[in-house]
Amino acid sequence: MEVELILLLLAVALAAGWVDAVVGGGGLVQLPVLLLALPAAPPPAVLATDKLSSIAGTTVSAVGFARRVRVQARVAVPATVLAVALSGAGAVTAGRVPAEVFRPFVLVTLALVAVLVVARPTLGTPVQRRPARRRTVVPAVVLVGVVLPFYNGLVGPGTGAMILIALTTLLGLDFVMGSATAKVVNVGANLGALVVFAAQGQVFWLLGLGMAACNVLGARVGTRTALRRGAAFIRATLLCVVAALIVKLSLDQLRL
């Protein structure tokens, strides 16, 4: 691989780490560039390398948030355990079920999310915070611990942002607390998929570790930015990420 291409991937990993730390969805930045840079590589190998880079930054970000913000353990603990298993199942399925099957569903979901965030300016602000109740905790655990991690192992981009959206919508968390909880669950989701891909010998370890180092640096900066700027900044960034993800998936759908 040419030096210029390696430097580009490292820079992209840095940016992806920042995006992932602030709002999730760093795979939206990182995965498409990896696919372009490694056109001859099997898709599972590209997904695996993306997961290796992402899990490093997400772990650092999760620790950074947890030191400053209370994580919703009632959701995070069971959802993370489930996420490891379900993302692993998604990784096993990757390559067997076409991503095109899921793309329309994800598109509609993201469009509804964008409308919801715009229509409810108070969503994700501190005034929304309320104790999690059983009737909302169970659906939240199922969605962020089962459905979204399976998608993460199978396809991946936007999972962190979708976990954040689910937590703020279902549990009424503000975006800062929601980000802290989402990071913990997303570590489990990335871990399950990475273990499966590694067992299959799919990971480009040298490239992935280099990108992981840059992802960590971006995550450290992004975590500080999110904690300093607060819920309003995270909300604005979330809208940008969701809009970009809708555009990307729509273009992918049109190419079919």
Protein backbone atom coordinates (compact mmCIF):
# COMPACT_ATOMS: atom_id res chain seq x y z
CA MET A 1 0.00 0.00 0.00
CA GLU A 2 1.31 3.45 -0.92
CA VAL A 3 2.47 5.80 1.84
CA GLU A 4 0.04 8.53 0.74
CA LEU A 5 -2.88 6.13 1.04
CA ILE A 6 -1.78 5.00 4.50
CA LEU A 7 -1.52 8.63 5.66
CA LEU A 8 -5.00 9.31 4.28
CA LEU A 9 -6.44 6.36 6.20
CA LEU A 10 -4.73 7.50 9.40
CA ALA A 11 -6.16 11.01 8.97
CA VAL A 12 -9.62 9.56 8.33
CA ALA A 13 -9.33 7.41 11.47
CA LEU A 14 -8.49 10.55 13.46
CA ALA A 15 -11.60 12.33 12.16
CA ALA A 16 -13.75 9.24 12.71
CA GLY A 17 -12.60 9.02 16.32
CA TRP A 18 -13.71 12.61 16.90
CA VAL A 19 -17.12 12.05 15.31
CA ASP A 20 -17.63 8.79 17.19
CA ALA A 21 -16.78 10.40 20.53
CA VAL A 22 -19.11 13.35 20.05
CA VAL A 23 -22.18 11.59 18.70
CA GLY A 24 -21.34 8.13 17.32
CA GLY A 25 -21.35 7.12 13.68
CA GLY A 26 -17.61 7.34 13.07
CA GLY A 27 -17.95 4.37 10.74
CA LEU A 28 -19.77 6.69 8.36
CA VAL A 29 -16.46 8.54 7.92
CA GLN A 30 -14.07 5.61 8.13
CA LEU A 31 -15.69 2.62 6.42
CA PRO A 32 -16.37 4.16 2.98
CA VAL A 33 -12.75 5.32 2.71
CA LEU A 34 -11.50 1.88 3.72
CA LEU A 35 -13.69 0.30 1.06
CA LEU A 36 -12.26 2.65 -1.57
CA ALA A 37 -8.69 2.13 -0.37
CA LEU A 38 -8.98 -1.67 -0.33
CA PRO A 39 -11.11 -2.47 -3.42
CA ALA A 40 -9.79 -6.01 -3.76
CA ALA A 41 -10.24 -6.96 -0.09
CA PRO A 42 -13.20 -9.12 1.01
CA PRO A 43 -15.90 -6.96 2.64
CA PRO A 44 -15.67 -8.85 5.99
CA ALA A 45 -11.93 -8.01 6.14
CA VAL A 46 -12.68 -4.31 5.60
CA LEU A 47 -15.41 -4.42 8.26
CA ALA A 48 -13.02 -6.18 10.64
CA THR A 49 -10.29 -3.58 10.21
CA ASP A 50 -12.85 -0.82 10.73
CA LYS A 51 -14.00 -2.51 13.95
CA LEU A 52 -10.41 -2.81 15.25
CA SER A 53 -9.86 0.90 14.75
CA SER A 54 -13.28 1.90 16.10
CA ILE A 55 -13.23 -0.17 19.28
CA ALA A 56 -10.03 1.52 20.45
CA GLY A 57 -11.46 5.01 20.13
CA THR A 58 -14.87 4.06 21.49
CA THR A 59 -13.31 2.47 24.59
CA VAL A 60 -11.25 5.57 25.33
CA SER A 61 -14.30 7.75 24.81
CA ALA A 62 -16.46 5.53 27.04
CA VAL A 63 -13.93 5.80 29.86
CA GLY A 64 -13.68 9.56 29.41
CA PHE A 65 -17.45 10.03 29.59
CA ALA A 66 -17.86 7.62 32.52
CA ARG A 67 -15.42 9.68 34.60
CA ARG A 68 -17.57 12.79 34.22
CA VAL A 69 -21.12 11.57 33.56
CA ARG A 70 -23.32 8.97 35.22
CA VAL A 71 -23.90 5.99 32.92
CA GLN A 72 -27.38 4.43 32.99
CA ALA A 73 -26.28 1.04 34.33
CA ARG A 74 -29.79 -0.48 34.23
CA VAL A 75 -29.62 -0.24 30.46
CA ALA A 76 -25.89 -0.29 29.78
CA VAL A 77 -25.04 -3.55 31.58
CA PRO A 78 -27.64 -5.92 30.03
CA ALA A 79 -27.49 -4.16 26.66
CA THR A 80 -23.69 -4.46 26.49
CA VAL A 81 -23.76 -8.17 27.31
CA LEU A 82 -26.39 -8.74 24.64
CA ALA A 83 -24.53 -6.50 22.20
CA VAL A 84 -21.42 -8.68 22.33
CA ALA A 85 -23.42 -11.76 21.36
CA LEU A 86 -25.68 -10.14 18.78
CA SER A 87 -22.95 -8.20 17.00
CA GLY A 88 -21.01 -11.45 16.83
CA ALA A 89 -24.07 -13.07 15.24
CA GLY A 90 -24.25 -10.20 12.77
CA ALA A 91 -20.58 -10.68 11.89
CA VAL A 92 -21.16 -14.39 11.28
CA THR A 93 -24.04 -13.46 8.98
CA ALA A 94 -22.02 -10.78 7.14
CA GLY A 95 -21.52 -11.85 3.55
CA ARG A 96 -24.51 -14.21 3.64
CA VAL A 97 -27.31 -11.67 3.86
CA PRO A 98 -27.01 -8.73 1.44
CA ALA A 99 -26.84 -5.32 3.08
CA GLU A 100 -29.49 -4.22 0.57
CA VAL A 101 -32.07 -6.11 2.62
CA PHE A 102 -31.54 -3.79 5.59
CA ARG A 103 -30.80 -0.51 3.81
CA PRO A 104 -34.45 0.60 3.15
CA PHE A 105 -35.40 -0.11 6.77
CA VAL A 106 -32.42 1.86 8.09
CA LEU A 107 -33.18 4.74 5.70
CA VAL A 108 -36.78 5.07 6.87
CA THR A 109 -35.70 4.87 10.52
CA LEU A 110 -33.09 7.59 10.09
CA ALA A 111 -35.51 9.85 8.24
CA LEU A 112 -38.01 9.51 11.11
CA VAL A 113 -35.22 10.23 13.59
CA ALA A 114 -34.22 13.41 11.74
CA VAL A 115 -37.85 14.61 11.77
CA LEU A 116 -38.14 13.77 15.49
CA VAL A 117 -34.97 15.66 16.46
CA VAL A 118 -35.98 18.73 14.43
CA ALA A 119 -39.60 18.69 15.60
CA ARG A 120 -38.66 18.33 19.27
CA PRO A 121 -36.03 20.96 20.13
CA THR A 122 -36.06 19.84 23.79
CA LEU A 123 -35.12 16.25 22.91
CA GLY A 124 -31.79 15.45 24.49
CA THR A 125 -31.65 18.57 26.66
CA PRO A 126 -31.23 18.41 30.45
CA VAL A 127 -34.91 19.24 31.05
CA GLN A 128 -35.81 15.93 29.46
CA ARG A 129 -33.95 13.89 32.05
CA ARG A 130 -36.12 11.57 34.12
CA PRO A 131 -35.66 8.27 35.96
CA ALA A 132 -35.73 5.26 33.63
CA ARG A 133 -38.89 3.18 34.06
CA ARG A 134 -39.30 -0.54 33.46
CA ARG A 135 -41.71 -0.08 30.54
CA THR A 136 -39.09 2.00 28.71
CA VAL A 137 -35.96 0.19 29.93
CA VAL A 138 -36.95 -3.16 28.40
CA PRO A 139 -37.61 -1.80 24.87
CA ALA A 140 -34.41 0.25 25.12
CA VAL A 141 -32.36 -2.82 26.04
CA VAL A 142 -33.89 -4.84 23.19
CA LEU A 143 -33.27 -2.10 20.64
CA VAL A 144 -29.73 -1.06 21.65
CA GLY A 145 -28.62 -4.49 22.86
CA VAL A 146 -30.11 -6.75 20.19
CA VAL A 147 -31.33 -5.02 17.02
CA LEU A 148 -28.67 -2.34 16.56
CA PRO A 149 -25.67 -4.52 17.52
CA PHE A 150 -26.79 -7.15 14.99
CA TYR A 151 -26.85 -4.40 12.36
CA ASN A 152 -23.43 -3.28 13.61
CA GLY A 153 -21.89 -6.70 13.02
CA LEU A 154 -23.60 -7.08 9.66
CA VAL A 155 -23.08 -3.60 8.18
CA GLY A 156 -22.02 -1.10 10.83
CA PRO A 157 -22.08 2.61 9.86
CA GLY A 158 -24.20 4.84 12.08
CA THR A 159 -24.72 2.33 14.90
CA GLY A 160 -23.36 4.60 17.63
CA ALA A 161 -25.57 7.50 16.53
CA MET A 162 -28.63 5.24 16.37
CA ILE A 163 -27.93 3.92 19.89
CA LEU A 164 -27.73 7.52 21.14
CA ILE A 165 -31.01 8.39 19.42
CA ALA A 166 -32.74 5.35 20.91
CA LEU A 167 -31.57 6.13 24.43
CA THR A 168 -32.57 9.80 24.34
CA THR A 169 -35.94 9.04 22.77
CA LEU A 170 -36.99 6.06 24.88
CA LEU A 171 -35.44 7.03 28.22
CA GLY A 172 -35.56 10.83 28.04
CA LEU A 173 -31.81 11.14 28.67
CA ASP A 174 -30.00 14.30 27.70
CA PHE A 175 -27.47 13.93 24.90
CA VAL A 176 -24.47 14.01 27.24
CA MET A 177 -25.74 11.20 29.47
CA GLY A 178 -27.06 9.36 26.42
CA SER A 179 -23.64 9.57 24.78
CA ALA A 180 -21.96 8.20 27.89
CA THR A 181 -24.32 5.20 27.98
CA ALA A 182 -24.21 4.66 24.22
CA LYS A 183 -20.41 4.49 24.23
CA VAL A 184 -20.43 1.61 26.72
CA VAL A 185 -22.93 -0.39 24.66
CA ASN A 186 -21.08 0.37 21.44
CA VAL A 187 -17.84 -1.04 22.88
CA GLY A 188 -19.67 -4.35 23.38
CA ALA A 189 -21.12 -4.19 19.87
CA ASN A 190 -17.70 -3.62 18.29
CA LEU A 191 -16.07 -6.27 20.48
CA GLY A 192 -18.46 -9.06 19.51
CA ALA A 193 -18.02 -8.43 15.79
CA LEU A 194 -14.24 -8.03 16.09
CA VAL A 195 -13.83 -11.35 17.93
CA VAL A 196 -15.72 -13.20 15.19
CA PHE A 197 -13.83 -11.49 12.37
CA ALA A 198 -10.49 -12.13 14.11
CA ALA A 199 -11.33 -15.81 14.56
CA GLN A 200 -12.00 -15.97 10.82
CA GLY A 201 -8.60 -14.40 10.09
CA GLN A 202 -10.21 -11.37 8.48
CA VAL A 203 -8.36 -8.50 10.23
CA PHE A 204 -5.59 -6.44 8.61
CA TRP A 205 -3.81 -6.06 11.95
CA LEU A 206 -0.97 -3.69 11.06
CA LEU A 207 -3.19 -1.20 9.26
CA GLY A 208 -5.94 -1.56 11.86
CA LEU A 209 -3.63 -0.92 14.80
CA GLY A 210 -2.21 2.19 13.14
CA MET A 211 -5.70 3.50 12.51
CA ALA A 212 -6.68 2.56 16.08
CA ALA A 213 -3.95 4.81 17.48
CA CYS A 214 -5.25 7.75 15.43
CA ASN A 215 -8.84 6.89 16.35
CA VAL A 216 -7.90 7.06 20.03
CA LEU A 217 -6.38 10.51 19.58
CA GLY A 218 -9.51 11.74 17.81
CA ALA A 219 -11.71 10.18 20.50
CA ARG A 220 -9.83 11.97 23.29
CA VAL A 221 -10.31 15.33 21.61
CA GLY A 222 -13.94 14.56 20.72
CA THR A 223 -14.80 13.49 24.27
CA ARG A 224 -13.44 16.74 25.70
CA THR A 225 -15.32 18.72 23.06
CA ALA A 226 -18.63 17.01 23.79
CA LEU A 227 -18.30 17.38 27.55
CA ARG A 228 -17.30 21.02 27.25
CA ARG A 229 -19.87 22.08 24.64
CA GLY A 230 -22.79 20.08 26.03
CA ALA A 231 -26.13 18.82 24.71
CA ALA A 232 -26.79 21.57 22.15
CA PHE A 233 -23.52 20.90 20.35
CA ILE A 234 -24.12 17.13 20.38
CA ARG A 235 -27.64 17.68 18.99
CA ALA A 236 -26.33 19.76 16.08
CA THR A 237 -23.59 17.23 15.32
CA LEU A 238 -26.12 14.40 15.53
CA LEU A 239 -28.31 16.04 12.90
CA CYS A 240 -25.31 16.45 10.60
CA VAL A 241 -24.30 12.80 11.03
CA VAL A 242 -27.85 11.52 10.49
CA ALA A 243 -28.24 13.68 7.37
CA ALA A 244 -24.93 12.44 5.98
CA LEU A 245 -25.88 8.83 6.70
CA ILE A 246 -29.24 9.27 4.94
CA VAL A 247 -27.47 10.70 1.89
CA LYS A 248 -24.91 7.87 1.82
CA LEU A 249 -27.48 5.09 2.17
CA SER A 250 -29.75 6.73 -0.40
CA LEU A 251 -26.91 6.87 -2.92
CA ASP A 252 -26.08 3.22 -2.18
CA GLN A 253 -29.74 2.32 -2.73
CA LEU A 254 -29.85 4.16 -6.07
CA ARG A 255 -26.82 2.24 -7.31
CA LEU A 256 -28.66 -1.09 -6.94
